Amino acid sequence: MIGSAEDGVRSALKTQEERLSKIEELISGRYKELHDRRSVLTEHLRDLLLPSEPVQSACSQS
């Protein structure tokens, strides 16, 4: 009877460990996806904020 209970506990622990491993993989993948998206958005923002051509002064004297 005790061996059966131990087997049940081992099985439950193994199942829990497998679930945690899958969750860790999902979180890791999602983190990488968000990090990559952040990098792309940061690059787009930088492109929007930096003028592509030099800005000329509106007050330049002729």
N, C-alpha and C. Protein backbone atom coordinates (compact mmCIF):
# COMPACT_ATOMS: atom_id res chain seq x y z
N MET A 1 0.82 -1.20 0.00
CA MET A 1 0.00 0.00 0.00
C MET A 1 0.86 1.26 0.00
N ILE A 2 1.94 1.24 0.80
CA ILE A 2 2.81 2.41 0.87
C ILE A 2 3.51 2.62 -0.47
N GLY A 3 3.96 1.54 -1.11
CA GLY A 3 4.61 1.65 -2.42
C GLY A 3 3.69 2.26 -3.45
N SER A 4 2.43 1.90 -3.39
CA SER A 4 1.44 2.44 -4.32
C SER A 4 1.26 3.95 -4.12
N ALA A 5 1.23 4.37 -2.87
CA ALA A 5 1.10 5.80 -2.56
C ALA A 5 2.34 6.56 -3.02
N GLU A 6 3.51 5.97 -2.83
CA GLU A 6 4.75 6.61 -3.27
C GLU A 6 4.78 6.74 -4.78
N ASP A 7 4.32 5.71 -5.46
CA ASP A 7 4.26 5.77 -6.93
C ASP A 7 3.31 6.88 -7.38
N GLY A 8 2.20 7.01 -6.68
CA GLY A 8 1.23 8.06 -7.01
C GLY A 8 1.83 9.45 -6.81
N VAL A 9 2.57 9.62 -5.72
CA VAL A 9 3.21 10.91 -5.44
C VAL A 9 4.27 11.20 -6.49
N ARG A 10 5.08 10.19 -6.82
CA ARG A 10 6.11 10.37 -7.86
C ARG A 10 5.48 10.76 -9.20
N SER A 11 4.40 10.08 -9.53
CA SER A 11 3.72 10.38 -10.79
C SER A 11 3.16 11.80 -10.79
N ALA A 12 2.57 12.21 -9.68
CA ALA A 12 2.03 13.57 -9.57
C ALA A 12 3.14 14.60 -9.66
N LEU A 13 4.26 14.34 -9.01
CA LEU A 13 5.39 15.27 -9.05
C LEU A 13 5.97 15.36 -10.46
N LYS A 14 6.05 14.22 -11.15
CA LYS A 14 6.57 14.23 -12.52
C LYS A 14 5.64 15.02 -13.43
N THR A 15 4.34 14.82 -13.28
CA THR A 15 3.36 15.55 -14.08
C THR A 15 3.48 17.05 -13.81
N GLN A 16 3.60 17.42 -12.55
CA GLN A 16 3.73 18.83 -12.18
C GLN A 16 5.00 19.43 -12.76
N GLU A 17 6.08 18.67 -12.71
CA GLU A 17 7.36 19.14 -13.26
C GLU A 17 7.25 19.35 -14.77
N GLU A 18 6.58 18.44 -15.46
CA GLU A 18 6.39 18.59 -16.91
C GLU A 18 5.55 19.82 -17.22
N ARG A 19 4.52 20.05 -16.45
CA ARG A 19 3.68 21.24 -16.65
C ARG A 19 4.47 22.52 -16.43
N LEU A 20 5.25 22.54 -15.36
CA LEU A 20 6.07 23.73 -15.07
C LEU A 20 7.09 23.97 -16.18
N SER A 21 7.65 22.90 -16.71
CA SER A 21 8.61 23.03 -17.80
C SER A 21 7.94 23.64 -19.04
N LYS A 22 6.73 23.19 -19.35
CA LYS A 22 5.99 23.74 -20.49
C LYS A 22 5.65 25.21 -20.27
N ILE A 23 5.25 25.55 -19.06
CA ILE A 23 4.94 26.94 -18.73
C ILE A 23 6.19 27.80 -18.89
N GLU A 24 7.31 27.30 -18.41
CA GLU A 24 8.57 28.03 -18.52
C GLU A 24 8.93 28.28 -19.99
N GLU A 25 8.74 27.26 -20.84
CA GLU A 25 9.01 27.42 -22.27
C GLU A 25 8.10 28.47 -22.89
N LEU A 26 6.82 28.45 -22.52
CA LEU A 26 5.87 29.42 -23.06
C LEU A 26 6.24 30.84 -22.63
N ILE A 27 6.58 31.01 -21.37
CA ILE A 27 6.95 32.34 -20.86
C ILE A 27 8.22 32.82 -21.54
N SER A 28 9.18 31.94 -21.69
CA SER A 28 10.44 32.30 -22.33
C SER A 28 10.21 32.72 -23.78
N GLY A 29 9.39 31.98 -24.49
CA GLY A 29 9.07 32.32 -25.87
C GLY A 29 8.34 33.64 -25.97
N ARG A 30 7.39 33.86 -25.07
CA ARG A 30 6.62 35.11 -25.08
C ARG A 30 7.53 36.29 -24.74
N TYR A 31 8.46 36.11 -23.80
CA TYR A 31 9.40 37.17 -23.44
C TYR A 31 10.24 37.55 -24.65
N LYS A 32 10.75 36.54 -25.37
CA LYS A 32 11.57 36.81 -26.55
C LYS A 32 10.75 37.55 -27.60
N GLU A 33 9.52 37.12 -27.80
CA GLU A 33 8.65 37.77 -28.78
C GLU A 33 8.43 39.24 -28.42
N LEU A 34 8.14 39.51 -27.15
CA LEU A 34 7.91 40.89 -26.71
C LEU A 34 9.19 41.72 -26.80
N HIS A 35 10.32 41.11 -26.47
CA HIS A 35 11.60 41.81 -26.55
C HIS A 35 11.90 42.19 -28.01
N ASP A 36 11.66 41.26 -28.93
CA ASP A 36 11.89 41.54 -30.35
C ASP A 36 10.96 42.64 -30.83
N ARG A 37 9.70 42.58 -30.41
CA ARG A 37 8.72 43.60 -30.81
C ARG A 37 9.13 44.97 -30.27
N ARG A 38 9.62 44.99 -29.04
CA ARG A 38 10.07 46.25 -28.44
C ARG A 38 11.23 46.84 -29.24
N SER A 39 12.15 45.98 -29.65
CA SER A 39 13.29 46.45 -30.44
C SER A 39 12.83 47.08 -31.75
N VAL A 40 11.88 46.44 -32.41
CA VAL A 40 11.36 46.96 -33.68
C VAL A 40 10.66 48.30 -33.44
N LEU A 41 9.83 48.37 -32.41
CA LEU A 41 9.11 49.61 -32.12
C LEU A 41 10.07 50.74 -31.73
N THR A 42 11.11 50.42 -30.99
CA THR A 42 12.10 51.42 -30.62
C THR A 42 12.79 51.96 -31.87
N GLU A 43 13.10 51.07 -32.79
CA GLU A 43 13.74 51.50 -34.05
C GLU A 43 12.79 52.38 -34.86
N HIS A 44 11.52 52.00 -34.93
CA HIS A 44 10.54 52.82 -35.65
C HIS A 44 10.40 54.20 -35.01
N LEU A 45 10.35 54.24 -33.70
CA LEU A 45 10.22 55.51 -32.99
C LEU A 45 11.44 56.39 -33.25
N ARG A 46 12.61 55.81 -33.21
CA ARG A 46 13.83 56.57 -33.49
C ARG A 46 13.78 57.14 -34.91
N ASP A 47 13.33 56.34 -35.86
CA ASP A 47 13.22 56.82 -37.24
C ASP A 47 12.22 57.96 -37.36
N LEU A 48 11.15 57.91 -36.58
CA LEU A 48 10.15 58.98 -36.63
C LEU A 48 10.66 60.27 -35.98
N LEU A 49 11.46 60.12 -34.94
CA LEU A 49 11.94 61.29 -34.21
C LEU A 49 13.13 61.96 -34.87
N LEU A 50 13.92 61.21 -35.59
CA LEU A 50 15.09 61.78 -36.25
C LEU A 50 14.71 62.18 -37.67
N PRO A 51 14.93 63.43 -38.02
CA PRO A 51 14.59 63.85 -39.39
C PRO A 51 15.53 63.17 -40.39
N SER A 52 14.98 62.83 -41.55
CA SER A 52 15.80 62.17 -42.56
C SER A 52 16.68 63.17 -43.30
N GLU A 53 16.27 64.43 -43.32
CA GLU A 53 17.07 65.48 -43.95
C GLU A 53 17.37 66.55 -42.91
N PRO A 54 18.48 67.23 -43.06
CA PRO A 54 18.80 68.29 -42.09
C PRO A 54 17.71 69.37 -42.08
N VAL A 55 17.37 69.82 -40.91
CA VAL A 55 16.36 70.86 -40.77
C VAL A 55 17.04 72.20 -40.99
N GLN A 56 16.44 73.03 -41.84
CA GLN A 56 17.00 74.36 -42.09
C GLN A 56 16.29 75.36 -41.20
N SER A 57 17.02 76.32 -40.75
CA SER A 57 16.46 77.33 -39.87
C SER A 57 15.45 78.19 -40.62
N ALA A 58 14.31 78.41 -40.02
CA ALA A 58 13.27 79.24 -40.62
C ALA A 58 13.64 80.71 -40.53
N CYS A 59 14.60 81.04 -39.69
CA CYS A 59 15.00 82.43 -39.47
C CYS A 59 16.27 82.78 -40.24
N SER A 60 16.65 81.97 -41.20
CA SER A 60 17.90 82.27 -41.91
C SER A 60 17.78 83.56 -42.70
N GLN A 61 18.86 84.31 -42.69
CA GLN A 61 18.86 85.62 -43.37
C GLN A 61 19.31 85.44 -44.81
N SER A 62 18.65 86.12 -45.72
CA SER A 62 18.98 86.00 -47.14
C SER A 62 19.92 87.09 -47.56
